Amino acid sequence: MQTTTYFFIFLNLSLAVFEEPAVYPLPFLVTSLVEVLCLLVFFGRLIHFAKVTLRNVFWKDTKNICIMVAILLSLTDLAIYGVLRIYNVRSIRWSRIVRPIFLINFAESRQIRRAFRSIRNTLPEITYVFLLFMFSLLMFSLMALKLFGERNLQTAEGLPYFRNYLEIVFDLYVLVTTANSPDVM
């Protein structure tokens, strides 16, 4: 059962490679049938889990509710996309971001949930460091604009350099985060 669940989760996640915009495009009917098959397997897995657990325990578990909501959202998106495709209206499948929920919320994925819980618990400490980094980046960008903005500097390609504050922020961010020059500031 676990291997089958993982196979269909992998198949569902790999559909993004074959759906529009795709690396290797397949016809819409093929990808939609594969997705419906995956959703049916997930729904069957959910029904099987509901049969072996108590009813009140099943409905109190947020993982099961998340899986049901993800299945409903995916089916709704598939139906809307199919109707729009019949009328030749270009649209984007927004339910792709829901697909990793199946990987996280099935009972076999305890380790992945633990990893997400650890990330969530360490996020407050990381946020302070990130905000301090962004503050220093913004301040050094402002200093660079004030120091070098009126010197009419140009890059090797002849483009103006240190003219726009947001471009300076981006350039300093790239320089700070690359391995070749981490000590720019």
C-alpha atoms as a PDB file:
ATOM      1  CA  MET A   1       0.000   0.000   0.000  1.00  0.00           C
ATOM      2  CA  GLN A   2       2.824   2.387   0.890  1.00  0.00           C
ATOM      3  CA  THR A   3       4.692   1.745  -2.360  1.00  0.00           C
ATOM      4  CA  THR A   4       1.524   2.285  -4.392  1.00  0.00           C
ATOM      5  CA  THR A   5       0.816   5.542  -2.588  1.00  0.00           C
ATOM      6  CA  TYR A   6       4.346   6.805  -3.195  1.00  0.00           C
ATOM      7  CA  PHE A   7       4.176   5.776  -6.860  1.00  0.00           C
ATOM      8  CA  PHE A   8       0.984   7.748  -7.453  1.00  0.00           C
ATOM      9  CA  ILE A   9       2.295  10.729  -5.488  1.00  0.00           C
ATOM     10  CA  PHE A  10       5.406  10.705  -7.694  1.00  0.00           C
ATOM     11  CA  LEU A  11       3.236  10.341 -10.804  1.00  0.00           C
ATOM     12  CA  ASN A  12       1.025  13.239  -9.708  1.00  0.00           C
ATOM     13  CA  LEU A  13       4.007  15.478  -8.970  1.00  0.00           C
ATOM     14  CA  SER A  14       5.694  14.580 -12.259  1.00  0.00           C
ATOM     15  CA  LEU A  15       2.644  15.724 -14.246  1.00  0.00           C
ATOM     16  CA  ALA A  16       4.014  19.272 -14.051  1.00  0.00           C
ATOM     17  CA  VAL A  17       6.729  18.232 -16.499  1.00  0.00           C
ATOM     18  CA  PHE A  18       4.136  17.201 -19.090  1.00  0.00           C
ATOM     19  CA  GLU A  19       1.409  19.842 -18.641  1.00  0.00           C
ATOM     20  CA  GLU A  20       1.400  23.199 -20.391  1.00  0.00           C
ATOM     21  CA  PRO A  21       3.787  25.042 -20.211  1.00  0.00           C
ATOM     22  CA  ALA A  22       5.772  21.853 -20.416  1.00  0.00           C
ATOM     23  CA  VAL A  23       9.203  20.538 -21.094  1.00  0.00           C
ATOM     24  CA  TYR A  24       7.742  17.510 -22.892  1.00  0.00           C
ATOM     25  CA  PRO A  25       4.108  18.401 -23.677  1.00  0.00           C
ATOM     26  CA  LEU A  26       1.493  15.664 -23.750  1.00  0.00           C
ATOM     27  CA  PRO A  27      -2.121  16.071 -24.885  1.00  0.00           C
ATOM     28  CA  PHE A  28      -4.467  17.527 -22.296  1.00  0.00           C
ATOM     29  CA  LEU A  29      -6.633  14.408 -22.238  1.00  0.00           C
ATOM     30  CA  VAL A  30      -3.676  12.188 -21.301  1.00  0.00           C
ATOM     31  CA  THR A  31      -2.490  14.371 -18.427  1.00  0.00           C
ATOM     32  CA  SER A  32      -6.019  14.934 -17.144  1.00  0.00           C
ATOM     33  CA  LEU A  33      -6.787  11.195 -17.167  1.00  0.00           C
ATOM     34  CA  VAL A  34      -3.559  10.466 -15.296  1.00  0.00           C
ATOM     35  CA  GLU A  35      -4.394  13.170 -12.764  1.00  0.00           C
ATOM     36  CA  VAL A  36      -7.933  11.848 -12.271  1.00  0.00           C
ATOM     37  CA  LEU A  37      -6.490   8.352 -11.781  1.00  0.00           C
ATOM     38  CA  CYS A  38      -4.066   9.694  -9.159  1.00  0.00           C
ATOM     39  CA  LEU A  39      -6.853  11.568  -7.387  1.00  0.00           C
ATOM     40  CA  LEU A  40      -9.014   8.431  -7.388  1.00  0.00           C
ATOM     41  CA  VAL A  41      -6.165   6.456  -5.819  1.00  0.00           C
ATOM     42  CA  PHE A  42      -5.708   9.175  -3.186  1.00  0.00           C
ATOM     43  CA  PHE A  43      -9.432   9.170  -2.492  1.00  0.00           C
ATOM     44  CA  GLY A  44      -9.421   5.365  -2.228  1.00  0.00           C
ATOM     45  CA  ARG A  45      -6.492   5.558   0.187  1.00  0.00           C
ATOM     46  CA  LEU A  46      -8.438   8.084   2.225  1.00  0.00           C
ATOM     47  CA  ILE A  47     -11.535   5.844   2.281  1.00  0.00           C
ATOM     48  CA  HIS A  48      -9.384   2.896   3.346  1.00  0.00           C
ATOM     49  CA  PHE A  49      -7.926   4.974   6.160  1.00  0.00           C
ATOM     50  CA  ALA A  50     -11.434   6.072   7.191  1.00  0.00           C
ATOM     51  CA  LYS A  51     -12.538   2.434   7.437  1.00  0.00           C
ATOM     52  CA  VAL A  52      -9.732   1.431   9.800  1.00  0.00           C
ATOM     53  CA  THR A  53      -9.907   4.440  12.134  1.00  0.00           C
ATOM     54  CA  LEU A  54     -12.655   5.713  14.365  1.00  0.00           C
ATOM     55  CA  ARG A  55     -14.987   8.223  12.754  1.00  0.00           C
ATOM     56  CA  ASN A  56     -14.382  11.047  15.251  1.00  0.00           C
ATOM     57  CA  VAL A  57     -10.602  10.503  15.086  1.00  0.00           C
ATOM     58  CA  PHE A  58     -10.677  10.576  11.280  1.00  0.00           C
ATOM     59  CA  TRP A  59     -12.613  13.854  11.081  1.00  0.00           C
ATOM     60  CA  LYS A  60     -10.486  15.561  13.745  1.00  0.00           C
ATOM     61  CA  ASP A  61      -7.252  14.823  11.898  1.00  0.00           C
ATOM     62  CA  THR A  62      -6.296  17.897   9.876  1.00  0.00           C
ATOM     63  CA  LYS A  63      -4.194  15.818   7.478  1.00  0.00           C
ATOM     64  CA  ASN A  64      -7.298  14.027   6.206  1.00  0.00           C
ATOM     65  CA  ILE A  65      -9.194  17.275   5.790  1.00  0.00           C
ATOM     66  CA  CYS A  66      -6.238  18.788   3.899  1.00  0.00           C
ATOM     67  CA  ILE A  67      -6.177  15.811   1.530  1.00  0.00           C
ATOM     68  CA  MET A  68      -9.928  16.085   0.896  1.00  0.00           C
ATOM     69  CA  VAL A  69      -9.677  19.826   0.230  1.00  0.00           C
ATOM     70  CA  ALA A  70      -6.698  19.267  -2.086  1.00  0.00           C
ATOM     71  CA  ILE A  71      -8.624  16.620  -4.045  1.00  0.00           C
ATOM     72  CA  LEU A  72     -11.635  18.926  -4.388  1.00  0.00           C
ATOM     73  CA  LEU A  73      -9.467  21.878  -5.456  1.00  0.00           C
ATOM     74  CA  SER A  74      -7.629  19.759  -8.011  1.00  0.00           C
ATOM     75  CA  LEU A  75     -10.857  18.400  -9.493  1.00  0.00           C
ATOM     76  CA  THR A  76     -12.397  21.883  -9.606  1.00  0.00           C
ATOM     77  CA  ASP A  77      -9.325  23.298 -11.311  1.00  0.00           C
ATOM     78  CA  LEU A  78      -9.255  20.415 -13.776  1.00  0.00           C
ATOM     79  CA  ALA A  79     -12.927  20.954 -14.670  1.00  0.00           C
ATOM     80  CA  ILE A  80     -12.532  24.727 -15.073  1.00  0.00           C
ATOM     81  CA  TYR A  81      -9.378  24.312 -17.153  1.00  0.00           C
ATOM     82  CA  GLY A  82     -11.077  21.694 -19.348  1.00  0.00           C
ATOM     83  CA  VAL A  83     -14.095  23.921 -20.017  1.00  0.00           C
ATOM     84  CA  LEU A  84     -11.885  26.914 -20.784  1.00  0.00           C
ATOM     85  CA  ARG A  85      -9.785  24.783 -23.100  1.00  0.00           C
ATOM     86  CA  ILE A  86     -12.898  23.693 -25.011  1.00  0.00           C
ATOM     87  CA  TYR A  87     -13.680  27.371 -25.661  1.00  0.00           C
ATOM     88  CA  ASN A  88     -10.026  28.078 -26.632  1.00  0.00           C
ATOM     89  CA  VAL A  89      -9.375  30.348 -23.671  1.00  0.00           C
ATOM     90  CA  ARG A  90      -5.782  30.205 -22.450  1.00  0.00           C
ATOM     91  CA  SER A  91      -5.472  29.707 -18.731  1.00  0.00           C
ATOM     92  CA  ILE A  92      -3.042  28.338 -16.179  1.00  0.00           C
ATOM     93  CA  ARG A  93      -3.583  25.421 -13.821  1.00  0.00           C
ATOM     94  CA  TRP A  94      -3.439  26.993 -10.361  1.00  0.00           C
ATOM     95  CA  SER A  95      -3.841  23.691  -8.504  1.00  0.00           C
ATOM     96  CA  ARG A  96      -0.250  22.636  -9.177  1.00  0.00           C
ATOM     97  CA  ILE A  97       0.777  24.269  -5.926  1.00  0.00           C
ATOM     98  CA  VAL A  98      -1.641  21.945  -4.102  1.00  0.00           C
ATOM     99  CA  ARG A  99       0.065  18.758  -5.287  1.00  0.00           C
ATOM    100  CA  PRO A 100       2.848  18.662  -2.643  1.00  0.00           C
ATOM    101  CA  ILE A 101       0.110  18.496   0.015  1.00  0.00           C
ATOM    102  CA  PHE A 102      -0.417  14.857  -0.956  1.00  0.00           C
ATOM    103  CA  LEU A 103       3.256  14.136  -0.307  1.00  0.00           C
ATOM    104  CA  ILE A 104       3.199  15.821   3.084  1.00  0.00           C
ATOM    105  CA  ASN A 105      -0.146  14.729   4.506  1.00  0.00           C
ATOM    106  CA  PHE A 106      -0.321  10.991   3.924  1.00  0.00           C
ATOM    107  CA  ALA A 107       0.455   8.872   6.974  1.00  0.00           C
ATOM    108  CA  GLU A 108       3.619   7.438   5.435  1.00  0.00           C
ATOM    109  CA  SER A 109       5.260  10.881   5.306  1.00  0.00           C
ATOM    110  CA  ARG A 110       6.018  11.429   8.991  1.00  0.00           C
ATOM    111  CA  GLN A 111       9.637  12.385   8.372  1.00  0.00           C
ATOM    112  CA  ILE A 112       8.685  15.078   5.867  1.00  0.00           C
ATOM    113  CA  ARG A 113       6.185  16.546   8.340  1.00  0.00           C
ATOM    114  CA  ARG A 114       8.873  16.525  11.031  1.00  0.00           C
ATOM    115  CA  ALA A 115      11.230  18.384   8.716  1.00  0.00           C
ATOM    116  CA  PHE A 116       8.565  21.020   7.994  1.00  0.00           C
ATOM    117  CA  ARG A 117       7.835  21.321  11.713  1.00  0.00           C
ATOM    118  CA  SER A 118      11.534  21.858  12.419  1.00  0.00           C
ATOM    119  CA  ILE A 119      11.716  24.544   9.735  1.00  0.00           C
ATOM    120  CA  ARG A 120       8.617  26.224  11.164  1.00  0.00           C
ATOM    121  CA  ASN A 121      10.106  26.176  14.668  1.00  0.00           C
ATOM    122  CA  THR A 122      13.419  27.722  13.570  1.00  0.00           C
ATOM    123  CA  LEU A 123      11.825  30.338  11.323  1.00  0.00           C
ATOM    124  CA  PRO A 124      11.575  33.105  13.982  1.00  0.00           C
ATOM    125  CA  GLU A 125      15.326  33.076  14.650  1.00  0.00           C
ATOM    126  CA  ILE A 126      16.126  32.980  10.935  1.00  0.00           C
ATOM    127  CA  THR A 127      13.722  35.851  10.276  1.00  0.00           C
ATOM    128  CA  TYR A 128      15.671  38.222  12.518  1.00  0.00           C
ATOM    129  CA  VAL A 129      18.929  37.412  10.744  1.00  0.00           C
ATOM    130  CA  PHE A 130      17.280  37.807   7.330  1.00  0.00           C
ATOM    131  CA  LEU A 131      15.798  41.183   8.300  1.00  0.00           C
ATOM    132  CA  LEU A 132      19.192  42.365   9.554  1.00  0.00           C
ATOM    133  CA  PHE A 133      20.800  41.221   6.299  1.00  0.00           C
ATOM    134  CA  MET A 134      18.167  43.032   4.224  1.00  0.00           C
ATOM    135  CA  PHE A 135      18.583  46.197   6.308  1.00  0.00           C
ATOM    136  CA  SER A 136      22.348  46.203   5.778  1.00  0.00           C
ATOM    137  CA  LEU A 137      21.883  45.494   2.061  1.00  0.00           C
ATOM    138  CA  LEU A 138      19.435  48.388   1.691  1.00  0.00           C
ATOM    139  CA  MET A 139      21.676  50.768   3.647  1.00  0.00           C
ATOM    140  CA  PHE A 140      24.803  49.884   1.648  1.00  0.00           C
ATOM    141  CA  SER A 141      22.798  50.285  -1.569  1.00  0.00           C
ATOM    142  CA  LEU A 142      21.709  53.747  -0.460  1.00  0.00           C
ATOM    143  CA  MET A 143      25.314  54.628   0.378  1.00  0.00           C
ATOM    144  CA  ALA A 144      26.449  53.380  -3.047  1.00  0.00           C
ATOM    145  CA  LEU A 145      23.786  55.470  -4.760  1.00  0.00           C
ATOM    146  CA  LYS A 146      24.798  58.612  -2.880  1.00  0.00           C
ATOM    147  CA  LEU A 147      28.546  58.030  -3.299  1.00  0.00           C
ATOM    148  CA  PHE A 148      28.672  56.865  -6.916  1.00  0.00           C
ATOM    149  CA  GLY A 149      25.373  58.039  -8.423  1.00  0.00           C
ATOM    150  CA  GLU A 150      26.629  61.352  -9.795  1.00  0.00           C
ATOM    151  CA  ARG A 151      29.946  60.063 -11.190  1.00  0.00           C
ATOM    152  CA  ASN A 152      28.403  58.788 -14.463  1.00  0.00           C
ATOM    153  CA  LEU A 153      30.037  55.372 -14.140  1.00  0.00           C
ATOM    154  CA  GLN A 154      29.475  52.812 -16.880  1.00  0.00           C
ATOM    155  CA  THR A 155      29.742  49.040 -17.052  1.00  0.00           C
ATOM    156  CA  ALA A 156      32.007  47.232 -19.516  1.00  0.00           C
ATOM    157  CA  GLU A 157      29.061  47.117 -21.935  1.00  0.00           C
ATOM    158  CA  GLY A 158      28.636  50.900 -21.743  1.00  0.00           C
ATOM    159  CA  LEU A 159      25.464  50.845 -19.657  1.00  0.00           C
ATOM    160  CA  PRO A 160      25.015  53.351 -16.816  1.00  0.00           C
ATOM    161  CA  TYR A 161      26.058  52.061 -13.416  1.00  0.00           C
ATOM    162  CA  PHE A 162      24.747  53.095  -9.972  1.00  0.00           C
ATOM    163  CA  ARG A 163      21.790  55.029 -11.386  1.00  0.00           C
ATOM    164  CA  ASN A 164      18.747  53.197 -10.022  1.00  0.00           C
ATOM    165  CA  TYR A 165      18.338  52.249  -6.356  1.00  0.00           C
ATOM    166  CA  LEU A 166      16.569  48.938  -7.043  1.00  0.00           C
ATOM    167  CA  GLU A 167      19.218  47.897  -9.558  1.00  0.00           C
ATOM    168  CA  ILE A 168      21.911  48.664  -6.990  1.00  0.00           C
ATOM    169  CA  VAL A 169      20.071  46.548  -4.402  1.00  0.00           C
ATOM    170  CA  PHE A 170      19.840  43.668  -6.857  1.00  0.00           C
ATOM    171  CA  ASP A 171      23.488  43.955  -7.909  1.00  0.00           C
ATOM    172  CA  LEU A 172      24.701  44.007  -4.303  1.00  0.00           C
ATOM    173  CA  TYR A 173      22.427  41.085  -3.434  1.00  0.00           C
ATOM    174  CA  VAL A 174      23.899  39.051  -6.279  1.00  0.00           C
ATOM    175  CA  LEU A 175      27.439  39.979  -5.270  1.00  0.00           C
ATOM    176  CA  VAL A 176      26.874  39.153  -1.593  1.00  0.00           C
ATOM    177  CA  THR A 177      25.232  35.799  -2.252  1.00  0.00           C
ATOM    178  CA  THR A 178      27.726  34.490  -4.802  1.00  0.00           C
ATOM    179  CA  ALA A 179      30.647  32.419  -3.619  1.00  0.00           C
ATOM    180  CA  ASN A 180      33.197  34.526  -5.489  1.00  0.00           C
ATOM    181  CA  SER A 181      32.671  37.789  -3.616  1.00  0.00           C
ATOM    182  CA  PRO A 182      30.826  37.369  -0.313  1.00  0.00           C
ATOM    183  CA  ASP A 183      32.676  40.257   1.364  1.00  0.00           C
ATOM    184  CA  VAL A 184      31.504  43.067  -0.929  1.00  0.00           C
ATOM    185  CA  MET A 185      30.041  45.136   1.874  1.00  0.00           C
END
